[in-house]
Amino acid sequence: MHQVSESTKTETTRSAHTIVESASFRQLMHEKNSFIIPAILFCLVFYFTLPVMTSYFTFLNQPLIGDITGAWLFAFLQFIMTWTFCTLYNKKARSFDRLVEQIKEESR
C-alpha cells in the first residue's frame, strides 16, 4: 500500500487553510451564498405555495383563461420559474468560475 509522508499531509493541510482564509475565497463564498440562499428560499416558497393554496383556498379553482384555472396557471409558472432559475444560475456560475480560477492562480 502507498504511504503518504507526513510532510505531504502538512503541506496539503497548510495549503487548504491558506486558500480558505484568503480574501478571494471569502468573496467567492459570499457571492455564492448571497445568490443561492435567497434563490432557493424563493423557489421553495413558490413551490409549496401551490399545494398549500389548493388545500386551504378555492380561488385557484376559478377559470382564468377559458377552462384553464388558476391552479394550472400557477403550476405552469413553476416550470418557468425552474428554467429561469437554472438560466440565472448558469450565468452567475461563470463569475464563480472566474473567482475559482483567480483562487487557483493565487495558491500556486
C-alpha atoms as a PDB file:
ATOM      1  CA  MET A   1       0.000   0.000   0.000  1.00  0.00           C
ATOM      2  CA  HIS A   2       1.184   3.508  -0.788  1.00  0.00           C
ATOM      3  CA  GLN A   3       2.187   5.548   2.246  1.00  0.00           C
ATOM      4  CA  VAL A   4       1.790   9.319   2.270  1.00  0.00           C
ATOM      5  CA  SER A   5       4.530  11.095   4.129  1.00  0.00           C
ATOM      6  CA  GLU A   6       3.765  13.459   6.962  1.00  0.00           C
ATOM      7  CA  SER A   7       5.384  16.358   5.096  1.00  0.00           C
ATOM      8  CA  THR A   8       2.932  15.935   2.206  1.00  0.00           C
ATOM      9  CA  LYS A   9      -0.019  15.876   4.562  1.00  0.00           C
ATOM     10  CA  THR A  10       1.252  19.003   6.287  1.00  0.00           C
ATOM     11  CA  GLU A  11       1.820  20.910   3.014  1.00  0.00           C
ATOM     12  CA  THR A  12      -1.632  19.984   1.744  1.00  0.00           C
ATOM     13  CA  THR A  13      -3.266  20.945   5.021  1.00  0.00           C
ATOM     14  CA  ARG A  14      -1.392  24.229   5.120  1.00  0.00           C
ATOM     15  CA  SER A  15      -2.318  24.957   1.507  1.00  0.00           C
ATOM     16  CA  ALA A  16      -6.008  24.253   2.150  1.00  0.00           C
ATOM     17  CA  HIS A  17      -6.020  26.501   5.224  1.00  0.00           C
ATOM     18  CA  THR A  18      -4.322  29.274   3.244  1.00  0.00           C
ATOM     19  CA  ILE A  19      -6.916  29.047   0.477  1.00  0.00           C
ATOM     20  CA  VAL A  20      -9.873  29.002   2.879  1.00  0.00           C
ATOM     21  CA  GLU A  21      -8.524  32.028   4.750  1.00  0.00           C
ATOM     22  CA  SER A  22      -7.841  34.062   1.586  1.00  0.00           C
ATOM     23  CA  ALA A  23      -9.903  37.114   0.683  1.00  0.00           C
ATOM     24  CA  SER A  24     -10.708  35.686  -2.755  1.00  0.00           C
ATOM     25  CA  PHE A  25     -12.189  32.516  -1.250  1.00  0.00           C
ATOM     26  CA  ARG A  26     -14.264  34.521   1.225  1.00  0.00           C
ATOM     27  CA  GLN A  27     -15.501  36.678  -1.667  1.00  0.00           C
ATOM     28  CA  LEU A  28     -16.430  33.548  -3.657  1.00  0.00           C
ATOM     29  CA  MET A  29     -18.367  32.055  -0.762  1.00  0.00           C
ATOM     30  CA  HIS A  30     -20.096  35.367  -0.034  1.00  0.00           C
ATOM     31  CA  GLU A  31     -21.178  35.794  -3.662  1.00  0.00           C
ATOM     32  CA  LYS A  32     -22.363  32.195  -3.944  1.00  0.00           C
ATOM     33  CA  ASN A  33     -24.312  32.344  -0.699  1.00  0.00           C
ATOM     34  CA  SER A  34     -25.821  35.743  -1.480  1.00  0.00           C
ATOM     35  CA  PHE A  35     -27.204  34.293  -4.734  1.00  0.00           C
ATOM     36  CA  ILE A  36     -28.014  30.687  -3.856  1.00  0.00           C
ATOM     37  CA  ILE A  37     -29.685  31.074  -0.457  1.00  0.00           C
ATOM     38  CA  PRO A  38     -32.299  33.688  -1.494  1.00  0.00           C
ATOM     39  CA  ALA A  39     -32.919  31.851  -4.774  1.00  0.00           C
ATOM     40  CA  ILE A  40     -33.508  28.521  -3.036  1.00  0.00           C
ATOM     41  CA  LEU A  41     -35.741  30.119  -0.416  1.00  0.00           C
ATOM     42  CA  PHE A  42     -37.794  31.814  -3.130  1.00  0.00           C
ATOM     43  CA  CYS A  43     -38.095  28.577  -5.113  1.00  0.00           C
ATOM     44  CA  LEU A  44     -39.183  26.595  -2.054  1.00  0.00           C
ATOM     45  CA  VAL A  45     -41.782  29.164  -1.039  1.00  0.00           C
ATOM     46  CA  PHE A  46     -43.044  29.427  -4.630  1.00  0.00           C
ATOM     47  CA  TYR A  47     -43.196  25.634  -4.969  1.00  0.00           C
ATOM     48  CA  PHE A  48     -45.020  24.954  -1.691  1.00  0.00           C
ATOM     49  CA  THR A  49     -47.470  27.814  -2.220  1.00  0.00           C
ATOM     50  CA  LEU A  50     -49.446  25.800  -4.797  1.00  0.00           C
ATOM     51  CA  PRO A  51     -50.239  22.767  -2.614  1.00  0.00           C
ATOM     52  CA  VAL A  52     -50.977  24.983   0.384  1.00  0.00           C
ATOM     53  CA  MET A  53     -53.239  27.315  -1.609  1.00  0.00           C
ATOM     54  CA  THR A  54     -55.127  24.469  -3.286  1.00  0.00           C
ATOM     55  CA  SER A  55     -55.587  22.712   0.056  1.00  0.00           C
ATOM     56  CA  TYR A  56     -56.990  25.642   2.019  1.00  0.00           C
ATOM     57  CA  PHE A  57     -58.455  28.049  -0.548  1.00  0.00           C
ATOM     58  CA  THR A  58     -60.724  27.712  -3.574  1.00  0.00           C
ATOM     59  CA  PHE A  59     -59.899  30.850  -5.584  1.00  0.00           C
ATOM     60  CA  LEU A  60     -57.301  28.955  -7.657  1.00  0.00           C
ATOM     61  CA  ASN A  61     -60.152  26.711  -8.899  1.00  0.00           C
ATOM     62  CA  GLN A  62     -61.742  29.628 -10.760  1.00  0.00           C
ATOM     63  CA  PRO A  63     -61.237  29.640 -14.561  1.00  0.00           C
ATOM     64  CA  LEU A  64     -58.940  32.452 -15.674  1.00  0.00           C
ATOM     65  CA  ILE A  65     -58.446  31.840 -19.388  1.00  0.00           C
ATOM     66  CA  GLY A  66     -61.169  29.672 -20.902  1.00  0.00           C
ATOM     67  CA  ASP A  67     -61.133  26.395 -18.967  1.00  0.00           C
ATOM     68  CA  ILE A  68     -57.654  26.986 -17.514  1.00  0.00           C
ATOM     69  CA  THR A  69     -57.861  27.525 -13.761  1.00  0.00           C
ATOM     70  CA  GLY A  70     -55.522  29.490 -11.550  1.00  0.00           C
ATOM     71  CA  ALA A  71     -54.015  26.245 -10.228  1.00  0.00           C
ATOM     72  CA  TRP A  72     -52.981  25.150 -13.730  1.00  0.00           C
ATOM     73  CA  LEU A  73     -51.542  28.574 -14.464  1.00  0.00           C
ATOM     74  CA  PHE A  74     -49.604  28.578 -11.181  1.00  0.00           C
ATOM     75  CA  ALA A  75     -48.293  25.068 -11.906  1.00  0.00           C
ATOM     76  CA  PHE A  76     -47.139  26.200 -15.351  1.00  0.00           C
ATOM     77  CA  LEU A  77     -45.405  29.201 -13.753  1.00  0.00           C
ATOM     78  CA  GLN A  78     -43.421  26.771 -11.604  1.00  0.00           C
ATOM     79  CA  PHE A  79     -41.860  25.323 -14.757  1.00  0.00           C
ATOM     80  CA  ILE A  80     -40.995  28.822 -15.935  1.00  0.00           C
ATOM     81  CA  MET A  81     -39.533  29.629 -12.522  1.00  0.00           C
ATOM     82  CA  THR A  82     -37.356  26.493 -12.651  1.00  0.00           C
ATOM     83  CA  TRP A  83     -36.000  27.253 -16.119  1.00  0.00           C
ATOM     84  CA  THR A  84     -35.415  30.883 -15.168  1.00  0.00           C
ATOM     85  CA  PHE A  85     -33.526  29.880 -12.027  1.00  0.00           C
ATOM     86  CA  CYS A  86     -31.389  27.422 -13.999  1.00  0.00           C
ATOM     87  CA  THR A  87     -30.582  30.064 -16.614  1.00  0.00           C
ATOM     88  CA  LEU A  88     -29.709  32.666 -13.986  1.00  0.00           C
ATOM     89  CA  TYR A  89     -27.530  30.215 -12.078  1.00  0.00           C
ATOM     90  CA  ASN A  90     -25.745  29.194 -15.270  1.00  0.00           C
ATOM     91  CA  LYS A  91     -24.885  32.836 -15.978  1.00  0.00           C
ATOM     92  CA  LYS A  92     -23.890  33.505 -12.377  1.00  0.00           C
ATOM     93  CA  ALA A  93     -21.735  30.362 -12.272  1.00  0.00           C
ATOM     94  CA  ARG A  94     -19.467  31.905 -14.897  1.00  0.00           C
ATOM     95  CA  SER A  95     -18.490  34.624 -12.419  1.00  0.00           C
ATOM     96  CA  PHE A  96     -17.979  31.947  -9.754  1.00  0.00           C
ATOM     97  CA  ASP A  97     -15.686  30.094 -12.170  1.00  0.00           C
ATOM     98  CA  ARG A  98     -13.633  33.238 -12.719  1.00  0.00           C
ATOM     99  CA  LEU A  99     -13.187  33.610  -8.959  1.00  0.00           C
ATOM    100  CA  VAL A 100     -12.169  29.951  -8.660  1.00  0.00           C
ATOM    101  CA  GLU A 101      -9.545  30.440 -11.373  1.00  0.00           C
ATOM    102  CA  GLN A 102      -8.279  33.502  -9.505  1.00  0.00           C
ATOM    103  CA  ILE A 103      -8.029  31.476  -6.286  1.00  0.00           C
ATOM    104  CA  LYS A 104      -6.149  28.713  -8.092  1.00  0.00           C
ATOM    105  CA  GLU A 105      -3.690  31.237  -9.503  1.00  0.00           C
ATOM    106  CA  GLU A 106      -3.130  32.801  -6.079  1.00  0.00           C
ATOM    107  CA  SER A 107      -2.496  29.441  -4.446  1.00  0.00           C
ATOM    108  CA  ARG A 108       0.312  28.446  -6.861  1.00  0.00           C
END
